[in-house]
PDB file of all heavy atoms in Angstrom:
ATOM      1  N   ALA A   1     109.513  -7.117  34.116  1.00  0.00           N
ATOM      2  CA  ALA A   1     109.054  -6.743  32.855  1.00  0.00           C
ATOM      3  C   ALA A   1     107.534  -6.876  32.861  1.00  0.00           C
ATOM      4  O   ALA A   1     107.047  -7.820  33.383  1.00  0.00           O
ATOM      5  CB  ALA A   1     109.739  -7.362  31.654  1.00  0.00           C
ATOM      6  N   GLN A   2     106.893  -6.101  32.035  1.00  0.00           N
ATOM      7  CA  GLN A   2     105.375  -6.225  31.792  1.00  0.00           C
ATOM      8  C   GLN A   2     105.160  -6.030  30.293  1.00  0.00           C
ATOM      9  O   GLN A   2     105.849  -5.377  29.546  1.00  0.00           O
ATOM     10  CB  GLN A   2     104.593  -5.202  32.543  1.00  0.00           C
ATOM     11  CG  GLN A   2     104.986  -5.125  34.041  1.00  0.00           C
ATOM     12  CD  GLN A   2     105.762  -3.850  34.394  1.00  0.00           C
ATOM     13  OE1 GLN A   2     106.868  -3.726  34.189  1.00  0.00           O
ATOM     14  NE2 GLN A   2     104.966  -2.872  35.009  1.00  0.00           N
ATOM     15  N   ILE A   3     103.929  -6.646  29.931  1.00  0.00           N
ATOM     16  CA  ILE A   3     103.418  -6.428  28.539  1.00  0.00           C
ATOM     17  C   ILE A   3     101.964  -6.559  28.567  1.00  0.00           C
ATOM     18  O   ILE A   3     101.434  -7.287  29.299  1.00  0.00           O
ATOM     19  CB  ILE A   3     104.152  -7.484  27.633  1.00  0.00           C
ATOM     20  CG1 ILE A   3     103.912  -7.121  26.117  1.00  0.00           C
ATOM     21  CG2 ILE A   3     103.740  -8.927  27.954  1.00  0.00           C
ATOM     22  CD1 ILE A   3     104.807  -7.940  25.155  1.00  0.00           C
ATOM     23  N   SER A   4     101.361  -5.758  27.631  1.00  0.00           N
ATOM     24  CA  SER A   4      99.919  -5.940  27.415  1.00  0.00           C
ATOM     25  C   SER A   4      99.726  -7.083  26.489  1.00  0.00           C
ATOM     26  O   SER A   4     100.276  -7.165  25.379  1.00  0.00           O
ATOM     27  CB  SER A   4      99.299  -4.665  26.931  1.00  0.00           C
ATOM     28  OG  SER A   4      99.910  -4.239  25.682  1.00  0.00           O
ATOM     29  N   TYR A   5      98.917  -8.110  26.913  1.00  0.00           N
ATOM     30  CA  TYR A   5      98.763  -9.267  26.047  1.00  0.00           C
ATOM     31  C   TYR A   5      98.162  -8.955  24.675  1.00  0.00           C
ATOM     32  O   TYR A   5      98.508  -9.412  23.643  1.00  0.00           O
ATOM     33  CB  TYR A   5      97.901 -10.271  26.744  1.00  0.00           C
ATOM     34  CG  TYR A   5      97.990 -11.575  26.038  1.00  0.00           C
ATOM     35  CD1 TYR A   5      99.039 -12.478  26.258  1.00  0.00           C
ATOM     36  CD2 TYR A   5      96.957 -12.076  25.248  1.00  0.00           C
ATOM     37  CE1 TYR A   5      99.115 -13.639  25.641  1.00  0.00           C
ATOM     38  CE2 TYR A   5      96.950 -13.264  24.515  1.00  0.00           C
ATOM     39  CZ  TYR A   5      98.154 -14.074  24.833  1.00  0.00           C
ATOM     40  OH  TYR A   5      98.171 -15.322  24.129  1.00  0.00           O
ATOM     41  N   GLY A   6      97.137  -8.059  24.706  1.00  0.00           N
ATOM     42  CA  GLY A   6      96.456  -7.718  23.452  1.00  0.00           C
ATOM     43  C   GLY A   6      97.157  -6.641  22.657  1.00  0.00           C
ATOM     44  O   GLY A   6      97.183  -6.780  21.367  1.00  0.00           O
ATOM     45  N   GLY A   7      97.699  -5.603  23.230  1.00  0.00           N
ATOM     46  CA  GLY A   7      98.253  -4.474  22.531  1.00  0.00           C
ATOM     47  C   GLY A   7      99.673  -4.416  22.298  1.00  0.00           C
ATOM     48  O   GLY A   7     100.120  -3.629  21.417  1.00  0.00           O
ATOM     49  N   GLY A   8     100.428  -5.270  23.014  1.00  0.00           N
ATOM     50  CA  GLY A   8     101.879  -5.306  22.809  1.00  0.00           C
ATOM     51  C   GLY A   8     102.696  -4.242  23.485  1.00  0.00           C
ATOM     52  O   GLY A   8     103.912  -4.166  23.301  1.00  0.00           O
ATOM     53  N   GLN A   9     102.077  -3.348  24.304  1.00  0.00           N
ATOM     54  CA  GLN A   9     102.757  -2.349  25.100  1.00  0.00           C
ATOM     55  C   GLN A   9     103.679  -3.131  26.067  1.00  0.00           C
ATOM     56  O   GLN A   9     103.266  -4.140  26.626  1.00  0.00           O
ATOM     57  CB  GLN A   9     101.878  -1.489  25.819  1.00  0.00           C
ATOM     58  CG  GLN A   9     101.017  -0.537  25.021  1.00  0.00           C
ATOM     59  CD  GLN A   9     100.019   0.306  25.881  1.00  0.00           C
ATOM     60  OE1 GLN A   9     100.542   1.168  26.735  1.00  0.00           O
ATOM     61  NE2 GLN A   9      98.798   0.002  25.802  1.00  0.00           N
ATOM     62  N   SER A  10     104.917  -2.623  26.333  1.00  0.00           N
ATOM     63  CA  SER A  10     105.774  -3.369  27.169  1.00  0.00           C
ATOM     64  C   SER A  10     106.748  -2.333  27.835  1.00  0.00           C
ATOM     65  O   SER A  10     107.020  -1.289  27.322  1.00  0.00           O
ATOM     66  CB  SER A  10     106.593  -4.430  26.490  1.00  0.00           C
ATOM     67  OG  SER A  10     107.482  -3.845  25.478  1.00  0.00           O
ATOM     68  N   LYS A  11     107.305  -2.724  28.993  1.00  0.00           N
ATOM     69  CA  LYS A  11     108.331  -2.079  29.683  1.00  0.00           C
ATOM     70  C   LYS A  11     109.188  -2.976  30.475  1.00  0.00           C
ATOM     71  O   LYS A  11     108.730  -4.142  30.839  1.00  0.00           O
ATOM     72  CB  LYS A  11     107.847  -0.972  30.518  1.00  0.00           C
ATOM     73  CG  LYS A  11     106.908  -1.343  31.676  1.00  0.00           C
ATOM     74  CD  LYS A  11     106.455  -0.127  32.410  1.00  0.00           C
ATOM     75  CE  LYS A  11     105.512  -0.425  33.513  1.00  0.00           C
ATOM     76  NZ  LYS A  11     105.054   0.802  34.282  1.00  0.00           N
ATOM     77  N   VAL A  12     110.429  -2.635  30.674  1.00  0.00           N
ATOM     78  CA  VAL A  12     111.385  -3.441  31.422  1.00  0.00           C
ATOM     79  C   VAL A  12     111.958  -2.714  32.577  1.00  0.00           C
ATOM     80  O   VAL A  12     112.245  -1.459  32.446  1.00  0.00           O
ATOM     81  CB  VAL A  12     112.536  -3.941  30.475  1.00  0.00           C
ATOM     82  CG1 VAL A  12     113.536  -4.743  31.240  1.00  0.00           C
ATOM     83  CG2 VAL A  12     111.913  -4.724  29.306  1.00  0.00           C
ATOM     84  N   ALA A  13     112.131  -3.275  33.728  1.00  0.00           N
ATOM     85  CA  ALA A  13     112.769  -2.608  34.905  1.00  0.00           C
ATOM     86  C   ALA A  13     114.135  -2.127  34.544  1.00  0.00           C
ATOM     87  O   ALA A  13     114.895  -2.784  33.827  1.00  0.00           O
ATOM     88  CB  ALA A  13     112.671  -3.580  36.039  1.00  0.00           C
ATOM     89  N   ASP A  14     114.451  -1.004  35.153  1.00  0.00           N
ATOM     90  CA  ASP A  14     115.781  -0.389  34.960  1.00  0.00           C
ATOM     91  C   ASP A  14     116.883  -1.347  35.280  1.00  0.00           C
ATOM     92  O   ASP A  14     117.936  -1.325  34.690  1.00  0.00           O
ATOM     93  CB  ASP A  14     115.913   0.932  35.707  1.00  0.00           C
ATOM     94  CG  ASP A  14     115.069   2.066  35.021  1.00  0.00           C
ATOM     95  OD1 ASP A  14     114.698   1.935  33.861  1.00  0.00           O
ATOM     96  OD2 ASP A  14     114.785   3.090  35.779  1.00  0.00           O
ATOM     97  N   SER A  15     116.630  -2.174  36.350  1.00  0.00           N
ATOM     98  CA  SER A  15     117.707  -2.980  36.884  1.00  0.00           C
ATOM     99  C   SER A  15     118.177  -4.102  35.892  1.00  0.00           C
ATOM    100  O   SER A  15     119.183  -4.543  35.997  1.00  0.00           O
ATOM    101  CB  SER A  15     117.262  -3.673  38.147  1.00  0.00           C
ATOM    102  OG  SER A  15     116.026  -4.483  37.948  1.00  0.00           O
ATOM    103  N   VAL A  16     117.257  -4.453  34.927  1.00  0.00           N
ATOM    104  CA  VAL A  16     117.603  -5.438  33.934  1.00  0.00           C
ATOM    105  C   VAL A  16     117.500  -4.956  32.511  1.00  0.00           C
ATOM    106  O   VAL A  16     117.745  -5.767  31.564  1.00  0.00           O
ATOM    107  CB  VAL A  16     116.707  -6.743  34.098  1.00  0.00           C
ATOM    108  CG1 VAL A  16     117.052  -7.413  35.490  1.00  0.00           C
ATOM    109  CG2 VAL A  16     115.296  -6.419  34.016  1.00  0.00           C
ATOM    110  N   LYS A  17     117.186  -3.700  32.341  1.00  0.00           N
ATOM    111  CA  LYS A  17     117.045  -3.207  30.927  1.00  0.00           C
ATOM    112  C   LYS A  17     118.396  -3.231  30.261  1.00  0.00           C
ATOM    113  O   LYS A  17     119.519  -2.983  30.819  1.00  0.00           O
ATOM    114  CB  LYS A  17     116.592  -1.709  31.010  1.00  0.00           C
ATOM    115  CG  LYS A  17     116.440  -1.137  29.613  1.00  0.00           C
ATOM    116  CD  LYS A  17     115.723   0.259  29.671  1.00  0.00           C
ATOM    117  CE  LYS A  17     114.311   0.229  30.017  1.00  0.00           C
ATOM    118  NZ  LYS A  17     113.720   1.581  29.918  1.00  0.00           N
ATOM    119  N   GLY A  18     118.357  -3.650  29.032  1.00  0.00           N
ATOM    120  CA  GLY A  18     119.625  -3.937  28.287  1.00  0.00           C
ATOM    121  C   GLY A  18     120.059  -5.337  28.252  1.00  0.00           C
ATOM    122  O   GLY A  18     120.797  -5.812  27.372  1.00  0.00           O
ATOM    123  N   ARG A  19     119.571  -6.166  29.253  1.00  0.00           N
ATOM    124  CA  ARG A  19     119.868  -7.623  29.307  1.00  0.00           C
ATOM    125  C   ARG A  19     118.653  -8.438  29.114  1.00  0.00           C
ATOM    126  O   ARG A  19     118.728  -9.555  28.484  1.00  0.00           O
ATOM    127  CB  ARG A  19     120.551  -7.985  30.723  1.00  0.00           C
ATOM    128  CG  ARG A  19     121.888  -7.340  30.883  1.00  0.00           C
ATOM    129  CD  ARG A  19     122.656  -7.999  32.023  1.00  0.00           C
ATOM    130  NE  ARG A  19     121.896  -7.921  33.279  1.00  0.00           N
ATOM    131  CZ  ARG A  19     121.486  -9.007  33.969  1.00  0.00           C
ATOM    132  NH1 ARG A  19     121.694 -10.187  33.557  1.00  0.00           N
ATOM    133  NH2 ARG A  19     120.896  -8.792  35.153  1.00  0.00           N
ATOM    134  N   PHE A  20     117.510  -7.980  29.654  1.00  0.00           N
ATOM    135  CA  PHE A  20     116.201  -8.718  29.495  1.00  0.00           C
ATOM    136  C   PHE A  20     115.249  -8.055  28.697  1.00  0.00           C
ATOM    137  O   PHE A  20     115.175  -6.886  28.636  1.00  0.00           O
ATOM    138  CB  PHE A  20     115.640  -8.894  30.998  1.00  0.00           C
ATOM    139  CG  PHE A  20     116.325  -9.682  32.019  1.00  0.00           C
ATOM    140  CD1 PHE A  20     117.586 -10.244  31.775  1.00  0.00           C
ATOM    141  CD2 PHE A  20     115.681  -9.964  33.168  1.00  0.00           C
ATOM    142  CE1 PHE A  20     118.279 -10.974  32.610  1.00  0.00           C
ATOM    143  CE2 PHE A  20     116.413 -10.786  34.140  1.00  0.00           C
ATOM    144  CZ  PHE A  20     117.631 -11.245  33.878  1.00  0.00           C
ATOM    145  N   THR A  21     114.520  -8.828  27.874  1.00  0.00           N
ATOM    146  CA  THR A  21     113.438  -8.283  27.078  1.00  0.00           C
ATOM    147  C   THR A  21     112.241  -9.195  27.188  1.00  0.00           C
ATOM    148  O   THR A  21     112.308 -10.355  27.501  1.00  0.00           O
ATOM    149  CB  THR A  21     113.876  -8.184  25.494  1.00  0.00           C
ATOM    150  OG1 THR A  21     114.227  -9.500  25.079  1.00  0.00           O
ATOM    151  CG2 THR A  21     114.986  -7.232  25.348  1.00  0.00           C
ATOM    152  N   ILE A  22     111.061  -8.612  27.035  1.00  0.00           N
ATOM    153  CA  ILE A  22     109.782  -9.361  27.097  1.00  0.00           C
ATOM    154  C   ILE A  22     109.114  -9.303  25.779  1.00  0.00           C
ATOM    155  O   ILE A  22     109.114  -8.263  25.083  1.00  0.00           O
ATOM    156  CB  ILE A  22     108.891  -8.781  28.229  1.00  0.00           C
ATOM    157  CG1 ILE A  22     107.737  -9.787  28.547  1.00  0.00           C
ATOM    158  CG2 ILE A  22     108.505  -7.345  27.988  1.00  0.00           C
ATOM    159  CD1 ILE A  22     106.908  -9.377  29.773  1.00  0.00           C
ATOM    160  N   SER A  23     108.455 -10.343  25.344  1.00  0.00           N
ATOM    161  CA  SER A  23     107.676 -10.296  24.156  1.00  0.00           C
ATOM    162  C   SER A  23     106.504 -11.292  24.356  1.00  0.00           C
ATOM    163  O   SER A  23     106.444 -12.121  25.272  1.00  0.00           O
ATOM    164  CB  SER A  23     108.606 -10.745  22.940  1.00  0.00           C
ATOM    165  OG  SER A  23     109.037 -12.023  23.199  1.00  0.00           O
ATOM    166  N   ARG A  24     105.580 -11.181  23.350  1.00  0.00           N
ATOM    167  CA  ARG A  24     104.433 -12.139  23.372  1.00  0.00           C
ATOM    168  C   ARG A  24     104.148 -12.493  21.968  1.00  0.00           C
ATOM    169  O   ARG A  24     104.286 -11.725  21.014  1.00  0.00           O
ATOM    170  CB  ARG A  24     103.262 -11.552  24.157  1.00  0.00           C
ATOM    171  CG  ARG A  24     102.806 -10.239  23.610  1.00  0.00           C
ATOM    172  CD  ARG A  24     101.505 -10.428  22.772  1.00  0.00           C
ATOM    173  NE  ARG A  24     100.940  -9.271  22.411  1.00  0.00           N
ATOM    174  CZ  ARG A  24     101.207  -8.556  21.261  1.00  0.00           C
ATOM    175  NH1 ARG A  24     102.224  -9.000  20.383  1.00  0.00           N
ATOM    176  NH2 ARG A  24     100.556  -7.441  20.896  1.00  0.00           N
ATOM    177  N   ASP A  25     103.598 -13.725  21.855  1.00  0.00           N
ATOM    178  CA  ASP A  25     103.154 -14.240  20.651  1.00  0.00           C
ATOM    179  C   ASP A  25     101.747 -14.785  20.867  1.00  0.00           C
ATOM    180  O   ASP A  25     101.539 -15.856  21.355  1.00  0.00           O
ATOM    181  CB  ASP A  25     104.053 -15.393  20.108  1.00  0.00           C
ATOM    182  CG  ASP A  25     103.708 -15.932  18.709  1.00  0.00           C
ATOM    183  OD1 ASP A  25     102.500 -15.606  18.263  1.00  0.00           O
ATOM    184  OD2 ASP A  25     104.580 -16.566  18.114  1.00  0.00           O
ATOM    185  N   THR A  26     100.756 -13.969  20.425  1.00  0.00           N
ATOM    186  CA  THR A  26      99.355 -14.416  20.709  1.00  0.00           C
ATOM    187  C   THR A  26      98.871 -15.631  19.863  1.00  0.00           C
ATOM    188  O   THR A  26      98.098 -16.322  20.312  1.00  0.00           O
ATOM    189  CB  THR A  26      98.437 -13.226  20.434  1.00  0.00           C
ATOM    190  OG1 THR A  26      98.609 -12.737  19.071  1.00  0.00           O
ATOM    191  CG2 THR A  26      98.645 -12.043  21.362  1.00  0.00           C
ATOM    192  N   SER A  27      99.589 -15.819  18.770  1.00  0.00           N
ATOM    193  CA  SER A  27      99.184 -16.983  17.952  1.00  0.00           C
ATOM    194  C   SER A  27      99.718 -18.317  18.623  1.00  0.00           C
ATOM    195  O   SER A  27      99.142 -19.337  18.475  1.00  0.00           O
ATOM    196  CB  SER A  27      99.832 -16.870  16.570  1.00  0.00           C
ATOM    197  OG  SER A  27     101.243 -17.031  16.551  1.00  0.00           O
ATOM    198  N   LYS A  28     100.833 -18.190  19.432  1.00  0.00           N
ATOM    199  CA  LYS A  28     101.343 -19.261  20.231  1.00  0.00           C
ATOM    200  C   LYS A  28     100.890 -19.311  21.640  1.00  0.00           C
ATOM    201  O   LYS A  28     101.210 -20.253  22.376  1.00  0.00           O
ATOM    202  CB  LYS A  28     102.805 -19.315  20.136  1.00  0.00           C
ATOM    203  CG  LYS A  28     103.480 -19.486  18.740  1.00  0.00           C
ATOM    204  CD  LYS A  28     103.240 -20.895  18.302  1.00  0.00           C
ATOM    205  CE  LYS A  28     103.990 -21.125  16.988  1.00  0.00           C
ATOM    206  NZ  LYS A  28     103.908 -22.544  16.525  1.00  0.00           N
ATOM    207  N   ASN A  29     100.154 -18.269  22.112  1.00  0.00           N
ATOM    208  CA  ASN A  29      99.671 -18.066  23.484  1.00  0.00           C
ATOM    209  C   ASN A  29     100.907 -18.160  24.401  1.00  0.00           C
ATOM    210  O   ASN A  29     100.756 -18.911  25.325  1.00  0.00           O
ATOM    211  CB  ASN A  29      98.658 -19.153  23.760  1.00  0.00           C
ATOM    212  CG  ASN A  29      97.436 -19.087  22.881  1.00  0.00           C
ATOM    213  OD1 ASN A  29      97.158 -20.023  22.241  1.00  0.00           O
ATOM    214  ND2 ASN A  29      96.750 -17.988  22.864  1.00  0.00           N
ATOM    215  N   THR A  30     101.904 -17.391  24.162  1.00  0.00           N
ATOM    216  CA  THR A  30     103.149 -17.433  24.985  1.00  0.00           C
ATOM    217  C   THR A  30     103.557 -15.988  25.289  1.00  0.00           C
ATOM    218  O   THR A  30     103.400 -15.134  24.462  1.00  0.00           O
ATOM    219  CB  THR A  30     104.265 -18.220  24.475  1.00  0.00           C
ATOM    220  OG1 THR A  30     104.561 -17.713  23.105  1.00  0.00           O
ATOM    221  CG2 THR A  30     103.920 -19.744  24.250  1.00  0.00           C
ATOM    222  N   VAL A  31     104.173 -15.885  26.488  1.00  0.00           N
ATOM    223  CA  VAL A  31     104.901 -14.662  26.809  1.00  0.00           C
ATOM    224  C   VAL A  31     106.293 -15.057  27.209  1.00  0.00           C
ATOM    225  O   VAL A  31     106.514 -16.076  27.952  1.00  0.00           O
ATOM    226  CB  VAL A  31     104.223 -14.027  28.042  1.00  0.00           C
ATOM    227  CG1 VAL A  31     105.081 -12.676  28.424  1.00  0.00           C
ATOM    228  CG2 VAL A  31     102.782 -13.496  27.691  1.00  0.00           C
ATOM    229  N   THR A  32     107.255 -14.410  26.580  1.00  0.00           N
ATOM    230  CA  THR A  32     108.681 -14.779  26.688  1.00  0.00           C
ATOM    231  C   THR A  32     109.540 -13.833  27.440  1.00  0.00           C
ATOM    232  O   THR A  32     109.313 -12.572  27.183  1.00  0.00           O
ATOM    233  CB  THR A  32     109.217 -15.093  25.341  1.00  0.00           C
ATOM    234  OG1 THR A  32     108.506 -16.140  24.695  1.00  0.00           O
ATOM    235  CG2 THR A  32     110.775 -15.480  25.336  1.00  0.00           C
ATOM    236  N   LEU A  33     110.387 -14.240  28.217  1.00  0.00           N
ATOM    237  CA  LEU A  33     111.450 -13.370  28.851  1.00  0.00           C
ATOM    238  C   LEU A  33     112.770 -13.895  28.292  1.00  0.00           C
ATOM    239  O   LEU A  33     113.149 -15.028  28.588  1.00  0.00           O
ATOM    240  CB  LEU A  33     111.457 -13.383  30.401  1.00  0.00           C
ATOM    241  CG  LEU A  33     112.427 -12.551  31.112  1.00  0.00           C
ATOM    242  CD1 LEU A  33     111.990 -10.981  30.952  1.00  0.00           C
ATOM    243  CD2 LEU A  33     112.611 -12.818  32.514  1.00  0.00           C
ATOM    244  N   GLN A  34     113.430 -13.042  27.555  1.00  0.00           N
ATOM    245  CA  GLN A  34     114.701 -13.335  27.005  1.00  0.00           C
ATOM    246  C   GLN A  34     115.805 -12.720  27.859  1.00  0.00           C
ATOM    247  O   GLN A  34     115.852 -11.540  28.053  1.00  0.00           O
ATOM    248  CB  GLN A  34     114.876 -12.837  25.567  1.00  0.00           C
ATOM    249  CG  GLN A  34     116.297 -13.076  24.937  1.00  0.00           C
ATOM    250  CD  GLN A  34     116.462 -14.548  24.640  1.00  0.00           C
ATOM    251  OE1 GLN A  34     115.747 -15.207  24.068  1.00  0.00           O
ATOM    252  NE2 GLN A  34     117.730 -14.915  25.087  1.00  0.00           N
ATOM    253  N   MET A  35     116.677 -13.550  28.482  1.00  0.00           N
ATOM    254  CA  MET A  35     117.734 -13.093  29.362  1.00  0.00           C
ATOM    255  C   MET A  35     119.008 -13.327  28.622  1.00  0.00           C
ATOM    256  O   MET A  35     119.368 -14.377  28.202  1.00  0.00           O
ATOM    257  CB  MET A  35     117.743 -13.952  30.641  1.00  0.00           C
ATOM    258  CG  MET A  35     116.309 -13.997  31.296  1.00  0.00           C
ATOM    259  SD  MET A  35     116.122 -15.309  32.643  1.00  0.00           S
ATOM    260  CE  MET A  35     117.488 -14.897  33.644  1.00  0.00           C
ATOM    261  N   LYS A  36     119.814 -12.207  28.641  1.00  0.00           N
ATOM    262  CA  LYS A  36     121.201 -12.198  28.057  1.00  0.00           C
ATOM    263  C   LYS A  36     122.089 -11.828  29.082  1.00  0.00           C
ATOM    264  O   LYS A  36     121.843 -11.095  30.077  1.00  0.00           O
ATOM    265  CB  LYS A  36     121.191 -11.204  26.910  1.00  0.00           C
ATOM    266  CG  LYS A  36     120.322 -11.508  25.685  1.00  0.00           C
ATOM    267  CD  LYS A  36     120.450 -10.452  24.638  1.00  0.00           C
ATOM    268  CE  LYS A  36     119.532 -10.766  23.445  1.00  0.00           C
ATOM    269  NZ  LYS A  36     119.609  -9.789  22.393  1.00  0.00           N
ATOM    270  N   ASN A  37     123.411 -12.309  28.899  1.00  0.00           N
ATOM    271  CA  ASN A  37     124.491 -12.030  29.761  1.00  0.00           C
ATOM    272  C   ASN A  37     124.091 -12.225  31.324  1.00  0.00           C
ATOM    273  O   ASN A  37     124.143 -11.425  32.175  1.00  0.00           O
ATOM    274  CB  ASN A  37     124.939 -10.674  29.558  1.00  0.00           C
ATOM    275  CG  ASN A  37     126.191 -10.339  30.380  1.00  0.00           C
ATOM    276  OD1 ASN A  37     127.050 -11.182  30.611  1.00  0.00           O
ATOM    277  ND2 ASN A  37     126.434  -9.007  30.756  1.00  0.00           N
ATOM    278  N   VAL A  38     123.622 -13.397  31.555  1.00  0.00           N
ATOM    279  CA  VAL A  38     123.077 -13.783  32.895  1.00  0.00           C
ATOM    280  C   VAL A  38     124.280 -13.693  33.937  1.00  0.00           C
ATOM    281  O   VAL A  38     125.378 -13.899  33.591  1.00  0.00           O
ATOM    282  CB  VAL A  38     122.327 -15.050  33.023  1.00  0.00           C
ATOM    283  CG1 VAL A  38     121.216 -15.059  32.084  1.00  0.00           C
ATOM    284  CG2 VAL A  38     123.317 -16.228  32.629  1.00  0.00           C
ATOM    285  N   LYS A  39     123.907 -13.261  35.166  1.00  0.00           N
ATOM    286  CA  LYS A  39     124.887 -13.120  36.293  1.00  0.00           C
ATOM    287  C   LYS A  39     124.415 -13.976  37.425  1.00  0.00           C
ATOM    288  O   LYS A  39     123.261 -14.335  37.557  1.00  0.00           O
ATOM    289  CB  LYS A  39     124.944 -11.643  36.609  1.00  0.00           C
ATOM    290  CG  LYS A  39     125.321 -10.685  35.440  1.00  0.00           C
ATOM    291  CD  LYS A  39     125.207  -9.217  35.856  1.00  0.00           C
ATOM    292  CE  LYS A  39     125.629  -8.383  34.768  1.00  0.00           C
ATOM    293  NZ  LYS A  39     125.612  -6.949  35.116  1.00  0.00           N
ATOM    294  N   PRO A  40     125.319 -14.193  38.304  1.00  0.00           N
ATOM    295  CA  PRO A  40     124.977 -15.029  39.522  1.00  0.00           C
ATOM    296  C   PRO A  40     123.851 -14.447  40.271  1.00  0.00           C
ATOM    297  O   PRO A  40     123.041 -15.118  40.821  1.00  0.00           O
ATOM    298  CB  PRO A  40     126.289 -15.059  40.354  1.00  0.00           C
ATOM    299  CG  PRO A  40     127.329 -14.974  39.349  1.00  0.00           C
ATOM    300  CD  PRO A  40     126.795 -14.088  38.325  1.00  0.00           C
ATOM    301  N   GLU A  41     123.733 -13.114  40.360  1.00  0.00           N
ATOM    302  CA  GLU A  41     122.655 -12.382  41.055  1.00  0.00           C
ATOM    303  C   GLU A  41     121.283 -12.617  40.420  1.00  0.00           C
ATOM    304  O   GLU A  41     120.292 -12.188  40.930  1.00  0.00           O
ATOM    305  CB  GLU A  41     122.913 -10.922  41.227  1.00  0.00           C
ATOM    306  CG  GLU A  41     123.324 -10.250  40.004  1.00  0.00           C
ATOM    307  CD  GLU A  41     124.779 -10.016  39.729  1.00  0.00           C
ATOM    308  OE1 GLU A  41     125.514 -10.973  40.048  1.00  0.00           O
ATOM    309  OE2 GLU A  41     125.169  -8.913  39.334  1.00  0.00           O
TER     310      GLU A  41
END
């Protein structure tokens, strides 16, 4: 996944779309990857 730090544009790879999301909080100076329904792979 990718995100523009300043503008908030983002995209997620097809292989994990629907399970993973990316976000950023500039006030906290963090970029987050939220993973749902994780699998052994």
